[in-house]
N, C-alpha and C. Protein backbone atom coordinates (compact mmCIF):
# COMPACT_ATOMS: atom_id res chain seq x y z
N MET A 1 52.80 61.00 80.05
CA MET A 1 53.18 60.61 78.71
C MET A 1 54.19 61.60 78.12
N LEU A 2 53.98 62.89 78.36
CA LEU A 2 54.84 63.90 77.76
C LEU A 2 56.28 63.80 78.27
N VAL A 3 56.45 63.43 79.53
CA VAL A 3 57.81 63.28 80.07
C VAL A 3 58.53 62.14 79.33
N THR A 4 57.79 61.11 78.95
CA THR A 4 58.36 60.01 78.17
C THR A 4 58.80 60.50 76.79
N VAL A 5 57.98 61.36 76.19
CA VAL A 5 58.32 61.93 74.88
C VAL A 5 59.57 62.79 75.01
N ILE A 6 59.67 63.56 76.09
CA ILE A 6 60.86 64.40 76.31
C ILE A 6 62.10 63.51 76.43
N ALA A 7 61.99 62.43 77.21
CA ALA A 7 63.12 61.51 77.36
C ALA A 7 63.48 60.89 76.01
N ALA A 8 62.46 60.51 75.23
CA ALA A 8 62.72 59.94 73.90
C ALA A 8 63.40 60.96 72.99
N CYS A 9 63.00 62.22 73.09
CA CYS A 9 63.62 63.26 72.27
C CYS A 9 65.07 63.49 72.68
N GLU A 10 65.36 63.43 73.97
CA GLU A 10 66.75 63.58 74.43
C GLU A 10 67.59 62.42 73.89
N ILE A 11 67.06 61.22 73.98
CA ILE A 11 67.77 60.06 73.43
C ILE A 11 67.91 60.22 71.91
N GLY A 12 66.83 60.67 71.27
CA GLY A 12 66.85 60.88 69.82
C GLY A 12 67.90 61.89 69.41
N PHE A 13 68.05 62.96 70.19
CA PHE A 13 69.08 63.98 69.91
C PHE A 13 70.45 63.32 69.82
N TRP A 14 70.79 62.53 70.84
CA TRP A 14 72.11 61.91 70.88
C TRP A 14 72.27 60.83 69.82
N VAL A 15 71.19 60.10 69.52
CA VAL A 15 71.27 59.06 68.48
C VAL A 15 71.51 59.69 67.11
N VAL A 16 70.76 60.74 66.79
CA VAL A 16 70.94 61.42 65.49
C VAL A 16 72.33 62.05 65.42
N LEU A 17 72.76 62.67 66.51
CA LEU A 17 74.09 63.28 66.55
C LEU A 17 75.17 62.22 66.35
N LEU A 18 75.07 61.12 67.07
CA LEU A 18 76.06 60.05 66.94
C LEU A 18 76.04 59.45 65.53
N ALA A 19 74.84 59.28 64.97
CA ALA A 19 74.74 58.75 63.60
C ALA A 19 75.40 59.70 62.61
N GLY A 20 75.17 61.00 62.77
CA GLY A 20 75.78 61.98 61.88
C GLY A 20 77.29 61.99 61.98
N LEU A 21 77.81 61.93 63.20
CA LEU A 21 79.26 61.94 63.39
C LEU A 21 79.89 60.62 62.92
N THR A 22 79.19 59.53 63.13
CA THR A 22 79.68 58.24 62.65
C THR A 22 79.76 58.23 61.13
N ALA A 23 78.70 58.71 60.49
CA ALA A 23 78.70 58.77 59.03
C ALA A 23 79.82 59.68 58.53
N ARG A 24 80.02 60.81 59.19
CA ARG A 24 81.02 61.78 58.75
C ARG A 24 82.46 61.28 58.93
N TYR A 25 82.75 60.73 60.11
CA TYR A 25 84.15 60.41 60.42
C TYR A 25 84.52 58.94 60.26
N LEU A 26 83.65 58.04 60.63
CA LEU A 26 84.01 56.62 60.54
C LEU A 26 83.75 56.04 59.16
N LEU A 27 82.60 56.41 58.57
CA LEU A 27 82.25 55.87 57.27
C LEU A 27 82.71 56.77 56.12
N ARG A 28 83.14 57.99 56.47
CA ARG A 28 83.61 58.98 55.47
C ARG A 28 82.52 59.38 54.48
N TRP A 29 81.29 59.36 54.94
CA TRP A 29 80.16 59.80 54.11
C TRP A 29 79.85 61.23 54.52
N ARG A 30 80.57 62.17 53.97
CA ARG A 30 80.46 63.58 54.35
C ARG A 30 79.04 64.13 54.18
N ARG A 31 78.44 63.91 53.03
CA ARG A 31 77.10 64.46 52.77
C ARG A 31 76.05 63.83 53.68
N THR A 32 76.13 62.52 53.86
CA THR A 32 75.17 61.84 54.74
C THR A 32 75.34 62.34 56.17
N GLY A 33 76.58 62.47 56.60
CA GLY A 33 76.85 62.98 57.94
C GLY A 33 76.30 64.39 58.13
N ALA A 34 76.53 65.24 57.14
CA ALA A 34 76.01 66.61 57.21
C ALA A 34 74.49 66.62 57.24
N ALA A 35 73.88 65.77 56.43
CA ALA A 35 72.41 65.70 56.40
C ALA A 35 71.86 65.24 57.74
N LEU A 36 72.50 64.24 58.33
CA LEU A 36 72.04 63.76 59.64
C LEU A 36 72.23 64.84 60.71
N LEU A 37 73.34 65.54 60.66
CA LEU A 37 73.56 66.60 61.65
C LEU A 37 72.55 67.74 61.48
N LEU A 38 72.13 67.98 60.26
CA LEU A 38 71.09 69.00 60.04
C LEU A 38 69.73 68.54 60.58
N CYS A 39 69.57 67.25 60.77
CA CYS A 39 68.31 66.70 61.29
C CYS A 39 68.21 66.81 62.81
N VAL A 40 69.30 67.12 63.49
CA VAL A 40 69.28 67.20 64.95
C VAL A 40 68.18 68.14 65.45
N PRO A 41 67.99 69.34 64.87
CA PRO A 41 66.92 70.22 65.36
C PRO A 41 65.50 69.67 65.13
N LEU A 42 65.36 68.69 64.25
CA LEU A 42 64.03 68.12 64.03
C LEU A 42 63.49 67.45 65.28
N VAL A 43 64.38 67.01 66.15
CA VAL A 43 63.94 66.43 67.42
C VAL A 43 63.13 67.45 68.21
N ASP A 44 63.59 68.70 68.21
CA ASP A 44 62.86 69.77 68.90
C ASP A 44 61.50 70.03 68.25
N VAL A 45 61.47 69.97 66.93
CA VAL A 45 60.21 70.19 66.21
C VAL A 45 59.21 69.10 66.58
N VAL A 46 59.68 67.86 66.68
CA VAL A 46 58.80 66.76 67.07
C VAL A 46 58.23 67.02 68.46
N LEU A 47 59.09 67.38 69.40
CA LEU A 47 58.63 67.63 70.77
C LEU A 47 57.64 68.79 70.83
N LEU A 48 57.93 69.86 70.14
CA LEU A 48 57.03 71.01 70.12
C LEU A 48 55.68 70.62 69.52
N THR A 49 55.70 69.86 68.43
CA THR A 49 54.47 69.43 67.78
C THR A 49 53.63 68.56 68.71
N VAL A 50 54.26 67.58 69.36
CA VAL A 50 53.53 66.70 70.27
C VAL A 50 52.93 67.50 71.44
N THR A 51 53.69 68.45 71.95
CA THR A 51 53.22 69.26 73.08
C THR A 51 52.02 70.10 72.69
N VAL A 52 52.11 70.77 71.55
CA VAL A 52 50.99 71.63 71.10
C VAL A 52 49.77 70.78 70.78
N ILE A 53 49.95 69.66 70.12
CA ILE A 53 48.81 68.79 69.79
C ILE A 53 48.13 68.30 71.07
N ASP A 54 48.93 67.94 72.06
CA ASP A 54 48.37 67.48 73.33
C ASP A 54 47.51 68.56 73.97
N LEU A 55 48.02 69.79 73.99
CA LEU A 55 47.24 70.89 74.58
C LEU A 55 46.02 71.23 73.74
N ARG A 56 46.16 71.22 72.42
CA ARG A 56 45.03 71.54 71.54
C ARG A 56 43.94 70.47 71.62
N ASN A 57 44.30 69.26 72.01
CA ASN A 57 43.31 68.19 72.14
C ASN A 57 42.63 68.19 73.50
N GLY A 58 42.85 69.22 74.29
CA GLY A 58 42.11 69.38 75.54
C GLY A 58 42.86 69.03 76.80
N ALA A 59 44.12 68.69 76.71
CA ALA A 59 44.88 68.35 77.91
C ALA A 59 45.07 69.58 78.79
N THR A 60 45.07 69.37 80.07
CA THR A 60 45.41 70.44 81.00
C THR A 60 46.93 70.45 81.14
N ALA A 61 47.49 71.64 81.05
CA ALA A 61 48.95 71.76 81.11
C ALA A 61 49.47 71.18 82.41
N SER A 62 50.53 70.40 82.28
CA SER A 62 51.14 69.76 83.44
C SER A 62 52.61 70.15 83.52
N PHE A 63 53.28 69.57 84.49
CA PHE A 63 54.72 69.78 84.63
C PHE A 63 55.43 69.43 83.33
N GLY A 64 55.01 68.37 82.68
CA GLY A 64 55.64 67.91 81.45
C GLY A 64 55.57 68.93 80.32
N HIS A 65 54.46 69.66 80.21
CA HIS A 65 54.33 70.68 79.17
C HIS A 65 55.34 71.81 79.39
N GLY A 66 55.49 72.22 80.63
CA GLY A 66 56.47 73.25 80.95
C GLY A 66 57.89 72.76 80.74
N LEU A 67 58.13 71.50 81.12
CA LEU A 67 59.45 70.91 80.92
C LEU A 67 59.78 70.82 79.43
N ALA A 68 58.78 70.51 78.62
CA ALA A 68 59.00 70.45 77.17
C ALA A 68 59.43 71.82 76.63
N ALA A 69 58.78 72.88 77.08
CA ALA A 69 59.16 74.23 76.64
C ALA A 69 60.58 74.56 77.08
N ALA A 70 60.92 74.21 78.33
CA ALA A 70 62.27 74.47 78.83
C ALA A 70 63.29 73.66 78.05
N TYR A 71 62.99 72.40 77.78
CA TYR A 71 63.90 71.55 77.01
C TYR A 71 64.16 72.14 75.64
N ILE A 72 63.11 72.57 74.97
CA ILE A 72 63.27 73.14 73.63
C ILE A 72 64.09 74.42 73.70
N GLY A 73 63.81 75.28 74.67
CA GLY A 73 64.57 76.52 74.81
C GLY A 73 66.06 76.27 75.01
N TYR A 74 66.38 75.35 75.90
CA TYR A 74 67.79 75.05 76.14
C TYR A 74 68.43 74.32 74.97
N SER A 75 67.65 73.51 74.29
CA SER A 75 68.18 72.82 73.11
C SER A 75 68.49 73.81 71.99
N VAL A 76 67.62 74.79 71.81
CA VAL A 76 67.85 75.81 70.79
C VAL A 76 69.11 76.61 71.13
N ALA A 77 69.25 77.01 72.38
CA ALA A 77 70.37 77.88 72.77
C ALA A 77 71.70 77.13 72.87
N PHE A 78 71.68 75.89 73.35
CA PHE A 78 72.92 75.16 73.59
C PHE A 78 73.17 74.05 72.58
N GLY A 79 72.20 73.74 71.75
CA GLY A 79 72.33 72.62 70.82
C GLY A 79 73.52 72.73 69.89
N HIS A 80 73.71 73.91 69.30
CA HIS A 80 74.82 74.10 68.36
C HIS A 80 76.16 73.87 69.04
N SER A 81 76.33 74.41 70.25
CA SER A 81 77.61 74.24 70.93
C SER A 81 77.80 72.79 71.38
N MET A 82 76.72 72.08 71.68
CA MET A 82 76.84 70.67 72.03
C MET A 82 77.26 69.85 70.81
N VAL A 83 76.70 70.18 69.66
CA VAL A 83 77.08 69.49 68.42
C VAL A 83 78.55 69.77 68.11
N ARG A 84 78.97 71.03 68.25
CA ARG A 84 80.37 71.40 68.00
C ARG A 84 81.30 70.67 68.97
N TRP A 85 80.90 70.59 70.25
CA TRP A 85 81.69 69.89 71.27
C TRP A 85 81.90 68.43 70.85
N ALA A 86 80.82 67.76 70.47
CA ALA A 86 80.92 66.35 70.07
C ALA A 86 81.71 66.22 68.77
N ASP A 87 81.51 67.13 67.83
CA ASP A 87 82.21 67.08 66.55
C ASP A 87 83.72 67.22 66.75
N GLU A 88 84.16 68.13 67.61
CA GLU A 88 85.59 68.31 67.88
C GLU A 88 86.21 67.03 68.44
N ARG A 89 85.49 66.38 69.34
CA ARG A 89 86.02 65.17 69.94
C ARG A 89 86.06 64.01 68.95
N PHE A 90 85.03 63.88 68.13
CA PHE A 90 85.01 62.84 67.10
C PHE A 90 86.13 63.09 66.08
N ALA A 91 86.27 64.35 65.66
CA ALA A 91 87.32 64.68 64.67
C ALA A 91 88.70 64.36 65.23
N HIS A 92 88.92 64.66 66.50
CA HIS A 92 90.22 64.38 67.12
C HIS A 92 90.46 62.87 67.21
N ARG A 93 89.45 62.16 67.64
CA ARG A 93 89.60 60.71 67.89
C ARG A 93 89.68 59.90 66.60
N PHE A 94 88.87 60.27 65.60
CA PHE A 94 88.74 59.41 64.43
C PHE A 94 89.26 60.00 63.12
N ALA A 95 89.60 61.29 63.11
CA ALA A 95 90.03 61.89 61.85
C ALA A 95 91.31 62.70 61.98
N GLY A 96 92.03 62.51 63.06
CA GLY A 96 93.30 63.21 63.22
C GLY A 96 93.16 64.70 63.43
N GLY A 97 92.00 65.14 63.88
CA GLY A 97 91.78 66.56 64.13
C GLY A 97 92.56 67.03 65.35
N PRO A 98 92.61 68.35 65.55
CA PRO A 98 93.35 68.88 66.70
C PRO A 98 92.69 68.48 68.02
N ARG A 99 93.48 68.47 69.06
CA ARG A 99 92.98 68.14 70.40
C ARG A 99 91.97 69.22 70.82
N PRO A 100 90.81 68.82 71.33
CA PRO A 100 89.83 69.81 71.80
C PRO A 100 90.43 70.63 72.95
N THR A 101 90.12 71.91 72.95
CA THR A 101 90.73 72.80 73.93
C THR A 101 90.01 72.82 75.26
N GLY A 102 88.72 72.68 75.29
CA GLY A 102 87.99 72.79 76.54
C GLY A 102 87.78 74.24 76.92
N LYS A 103 87.15 74.45 78.07
CA LYS A 103 86.89 75.82 78.48
C LYS A 103 88.11 76.41 79.16
N PRO A 104 88.26 77.73 79.06
CA PRO A 104 89.40 78.38 79.72
C PRO A 104 89.32 78.18 81.23
N SER A 105 90.45 78.11 81.88
CA SER A 105 90.44 77.82 83.31
C SER A 105 90.56 79.06 84.20
N HIS A 106 90.98 80.18 83.63
CA HIS A 106 91.19 81.34 84.50
C HIS A 106 91.25 82.64 83.69
N GLY A 107 91.25 83.75 84.43
CA GLY A 107 91.45 85.06 83.84
C GLY A 107 90.30 85.54 82.97
N ARG A 108 90.63 86.52 82.12
CA ARG A 108 89.63 87.12 81.24
C ARG A 108 88.99 86.11 80.29
N PRO A 109 89.77 85.17 79.73
CA PRO A 109 89.13 84.19 78.85
C PRO A 109 88.03 83.41 79.57
N ARG A 110 88.27 83.05 80.85
CA ARG A 110 87.24 82.32 81.60
C ARG A 110 86.04 83.22 81.86
N THR A 111 86.28 84.49 82.15
CA THR A 111 85.17 85.43 82.38
C THR A 111 84.34 85.58 81.12
N ARG A 112 84.99 85.74 79.96
CA ARG A 112 84.26 85.84 78.68
C ARG A 112 83.47 84.56 78.43
N TYR A 113 84.08 83.43 78.70
CA TYR A 113 83.40 82.14 78.52
C TYR A 113 82.14 82.09 79.39
N GLU A 114 82.23 82.47 80.64
CA GLU A 114 81.08 82.42 81.56
C GLU A 114 79.97 83.37 81.10
N TRP A 115 80.34 84.56 80.61
CA TRP A 115 79.32 85.49 80.11
C TRP A 115 78.67 84.96 78.84
N ARG A 116 79.46 84.30 78.00
CA ARG A 116 78.90 83.72 76.77
C ARG A 116 77.90 82.60 77.12
N GLU A 117 78.25 81.76 78.07
CA GLU A 117 77.34 80.70 78.50
C GLU A 117 76.09 81.28 79.15
N PHE A 118 76.26 82.35 79.92
CA PHE A 118 75.09 83.02 80.51
C PHE A 118 74.21 83.60 79.40
N GLY A 119 74.83 84.15 78.37
CA GLY A 119 74.05 84.66 77.24
C GLY A 119 73.22 83.57 76.59
N LYS A 120 73.80 82.38 76.46
CA LYS A 120 73.04 81.25 75.91
C LYS A 120 71.88 80.89 76.85
N ALA A 121 72.14 80.92 78.14
CA ALA A 121 71.07 80.62 79.10
C ALA A 121 69.96 81.66 79.02
N ALA A 122 70.33 82.92 78.80
CA ALA A 122 69.32 83.97 78.64
C ALA A 122 68.49 83.73 77.38
N ILE A 123 69.15 83.32 76.29
CA ILE A 123 68.42 82.99 75.05
C ILE A 123 67.51 81.80 75.29
N ALA A 124 68.01 80.78 76.00
CA ALA A 124 67.20 79.60 76.30
C ALA A 124 65.95 79.99 77.10
N THR A 125 66.13 80.86 78.08
CA THR A 125 65.01 81.31 78.90
C THR A 125 64.01 82.09 78.06
N ALA A 126 64.50 82.96 77.20
CA ALA A 126 63.61 83.75 76.33
C ALA A 126 62.83 82.84 75.39
N VAL A 127 63.50 81.87 74.77
CA VAL A 127 62.81 80.95 73.85
C VAL A 127 61.78 80.13 74.61
N ALA A 128 62.18 79.58 75.76
CA ALA A 128 61.25 78.76 76.55
C ALA A 128 60.05 79.57 77.01
N CYS A 129 60.28 80.79 77.48
CA CYS A 129 59.16 81.64 77.92
C CYS A 129 58.27 82.01 76.73
N GLY A 130 58.89 82.24 75.56
CA GLY A 130 58.09 82.50 74.37
C GLY A 130 57.20 81.33 74.01
N ILE A 131 57.73 80.12 74.11
CA ILE A 131 56.94 78.93 73.83
C ILE A 131 55.83 78.77 74.86
N LEU A 132 56.16 79.01 76.12
CA LEU A 132 55.13 78.94 77.17
C LEU A 132 54.01 79.93 76.90
N LEU A 133 54.37 81.16 76.56
CA LEU A 133 53.34 82.17 76.28
C LEU A 133 52.52 81.79 75.04
N LEU A 134 53.17 81.24 74.04
CA LEU A 134 52.47 80.78 72.85
C LEU A 134 51.46 79.68 73.19
N MET A 135 51.87 78.74 74.03
CA MET A 135 50.95 77.68 74.44
C MET A 135 49.78 78.25 75.24
N ILE A 136 50.05 79.21 76.10
CA ILE A 136 48.98 79.84 76.89
C ILE A 136 47.97 80.51 75.96
N VAL A 137 48.47 81.23 74.96
CA VAL A 137 47.59 81.92 74.01
C VAL A 137 46.80 80.91 73.17
N LEU A 138 47.47 79.85 72.70
CA LEU A 138 46.80 78.85 71.88
C LEU A 138 45.68 78.14 72.63
N VAL A 139 45.92 77.82 73.88
CA VAL A 139 44.91 77.11 74.67
C VAL A 139 43.79 78.06 75.07
N ASP A 140 44.14 79.29 75.42
CA ASP A 140 43.18 80.33 75.78
C ASP A 140 42.20 79.89 76.87
N ASP A 141 42.74 79.23 77.89
CA ASP A 141 41.93 78.79 79.03
C ASP A 141 42.83 78.83 80.27
N PRO A 142 42.71 79.89 81.08
CA PRO A 142 43.60 80.04 82.23
C PRO A 142 43.57 78.85 83.20
N ASP A 143 42.43 78.19 83.31
CA ASP A 143 42.36 77.03 84.21
C ASP A 143 43.24 75.88 83.71
N ARG A 144 43.39 75.75 82.40
CA ARG A 144 44.17 74.66 81.82
C ARG A 144 45.66 75.01 81.67
N THR A 145 46.00 76.28 81.79
CA THR A 145 47.40 76.69 81.56
C THR A 145 48.09 77.26 82.80
N ASP A 146 47.47 77.09 83.95
CA ASP A 146 48.04 77.63 85.18
C ASP A 146 49.46 77.12 85.43
N GLN A 147 49.71 75.84 85.17
CA GLN A 147 51.04 75.27 85.35
C GLN A 147 52.09 75.95 84.50
N LEU A 148 51.72 76.38 83.31
CA LEU A 148 52.68 76.99 82.39
C LEU A 148 53.17 78.34 82.91
N GLN A 149 52.30 79.09 83.54
CA GLN A 149 52.71 80.39 84.07
C GLN A 149 53.74 80.24 85.18
N GLY A 150 53.63 79.18 85.95
CA GLY A 150 54.60 78.91 87.01
C GLY A 150 55.99 78.63 86.45
N TRP A 151 56.04 78.12 85.23
CA TRP A 151 57.34 77.80 84.62
C TRP A 151 58.14 79.05 84.28
N THR A 152 57.48 80.15 83.97
CA THR A 152 58.24 81.37 83.68
C THR A 152 59.02 81.81 84.91
N ALA A 153 58.42 81.66 86.09
CA ALA A 153 59.12 82.00 87.33
C ALA A 153 60.27 81.03 87.58
N ARG A 154 60.07 79.74 87.33
CA ARG A 154 61.14 78.76 87.50
C ARG A 154 62.33 79.09 86.60
N LEU A 155 62.02 79.37 85.35
CA LEU A 155 63.10 79.67 84.39
C LEU A 155 63.82 80.96 84.76
N GLY A 156 63.08 81.94 85.26
CA GLY A 156 63.71 83.18 85.72
C GLY A 156 64.62 82.94 86.90
N ALA A 157 64.20 82.07 87.80
CA ALA A 157 65.04 81.74 88.97
C ALA A 157 66.32 81.02 88.53
N ILE A 158 66.18 80.10 87.59
CA ILE A 158 67.36 79.39 87.08
C ILE A 158 68.34 80.38 86.45
N LEU A 159 67.81 81.32 85.68
CA LEU A 159 68.68 82.31 85.03
C LEU A 159 69.35 83.21 86.07
N ALA A 160 68.61 83.59 87.11
CA ALA A 160 69.20 84.43 88.17
C ALA A 160 70.34 83.69 88.87
N ILE A 161 70.14 82.41 89.15
CA ILE A 161 71.20 81.62 89.79
C ILE A 161 72.38 81.48 88.84
N TRP A 162 72.09 81.24 87.57
CA TRP A 162 73.16 81.08 86.57
C TRP A 162 74.02 82.35 86.48
N SER A 163 73.41 83.51 86.69
CA SER A 163 74.15 84.77 86.57
C SER A 163 75.25 84.90 87.61
N LEU A 164 75.19 84.10 88.66
CA LEU A 164 76.21 84.19 89.70
C LEU A 164 77.59 83.80 89.18
N TRP A 165 77.67 82.85 88.24
CA TRP A 165 78.96 82.43 87.71
C TRP A 165 79.68 83.54 86.97
N PRO A 166 79.06 84.18 85.98
CA PRO A 166 79.82 85.25 85.30
C PRO A 166 80.08 86.45 86.21
N ILE A 167 79.16 86.75 87.10
CA ILE A 167 79.38 87.87 88.01
C ILE A 167 80.57 87.57 88.91
N THR A 168 80.61 86.35 89.44
CA THR A 168 81.73 85.95 90.31
C THR A 168 83.05 86.02 89.56
N HIS A 169 83.07 85.51 88.33
CA HIS A 169 84.32 85.54 87.56
C HIS A 169 84.71 86.95 87.13
N THR A 170 83.73 87.84 87.02
CA THR A 170 84.04 89.23 86.68
C THR A 170 84.64 89.95 87.89
N LEU A 171 84.02 89.76 89.06
CA LEU A 171 84.49 90.46 90.25
C LEU A 171 85.76 89.85 90.83
N TRP A 172 85.87 88.53 90.78
CA TRP A 172 87.02 87.84 91.34
C TRP A 172 87.57 86.85 90.32
N PRO A 173 88.24 87.35 89.28
CA PRO A 173 88.76 86.43 88.26
C PRO A 173 89.78 85.48 88.86
N SER A 174 89.72 84.25 88.43
CA SER A 174 90.66 83.26 88.95
C SER A 174 92.02 83.44 88.29
N ASN A 175 93.04 83.09 89.01
CA ASN A 175 94.42 83.18 88.52
C ASN A 175 94.89 81.79 88.11
N PRO A 176 95.89 81.74 87.23
CA PRO A 176 96.41 80.43 86.87
C PRO A 176 97.05 79.76 88.08
N LYS A 177 96.92 78.45 88.12
CA LYS A 177 97.53 77.71 89.23
C LYS A 177 99.04 77.70 89.03
N LYS A 178 99.74 77.95 90.11
CA LYS A 178 101.20 77.97 90.06
C LYS A 178 101.69 76.54 90.22
N PRO A 179 102.68 76.17 89.42
CA PRO A 179 103.22 74.82 89.57
C PRO A 179 103.93 74.68 90.90
N ARG A 180 103.80 73.52 91.49
CA ARG A 180 104.49 73.27 92.76
C ARG A 180 105.97 73.06 92.50
N THR A 181 106.77 73.70 93.30
CA THR A 181 108.22 73.50 93.16
C THR A 181 108.64 72.33 94.03
N GLN A 182 109.85 71.82 93.81
CA GLN A 182 110.33 70.70 94.60
C GLN A 182 110.53 71.10 96.06
N ASN A 183 110.98 72.34 96.30
CA ASN A 183 111.18 72.79 97.69
C ASN A 183 109.86 72.84 98.44
N ALA A 184 108.82 73.33 97.78
CA ALA A 184 107.51 73.40 98.44
C ALA A 184 107.00 72.00 98.70
N ALA A 185 107.27 71.09 97.78
CA ALA A 185 106.83 69.71 97.97
C ALA A 185 107.58 69.06 99.13
N LYS A 186 108.88 69.36 99.27
CA LYS A 186 109.65 68.78 100.36
C LYS A 186 109.18 69.32 101.71
N ARG A 187 108.83 70.63 101.77
CA ARG A 187 108.37 71.22 103.03
C ARG A 187 107.06 70.61 103.49
N MET A 188 106.25 70.16 102.53
CA MET A 188 104.96 69.60 102.89
C MET A 188 105.11 68.22 103.50
N HIS A 189 106.21 67.54 103.24
CA HIS A 189 106.39 66.17 103.77
C HIS A 189 106.96 66.19 105.13
């Protein structure tokens, strides 16, 4: 059941976000759009509440409970940048805003970008592990929370793998792609 709630919350995130952006840019209802966008984090509150109530009512922690904690952690850490990403694209498409820039493709800007994203992943891991530990303490029954402890190791492994991107870009920064010249193109044929 909890995995269904997680899927519903993910859908709810995008529905509330789309409603807020539609109100802001298509209908020109600035205050309504802002209010809807402020409601996006409420999706996480709903998921956290359902998860805690389920555990407090005697459920044994399952994969879904750990996934809920991970979802909330990543939503907290990446949610703002996802909203900004969508807002930039809506503003460009429907309100004459500037073209979205996207992520840097090479050099120091790309390295800074990768470290910033890794920092968000570290925050997501910390929030998710904090929620997992909170659930373990609230339930206070090691037999019922064994699954949750395994999630801290999973999240740590994900973070360790994620660290490879900024490390790689730090040690071997990518260079800008050189435009192909006509002579090089002729030699290839």
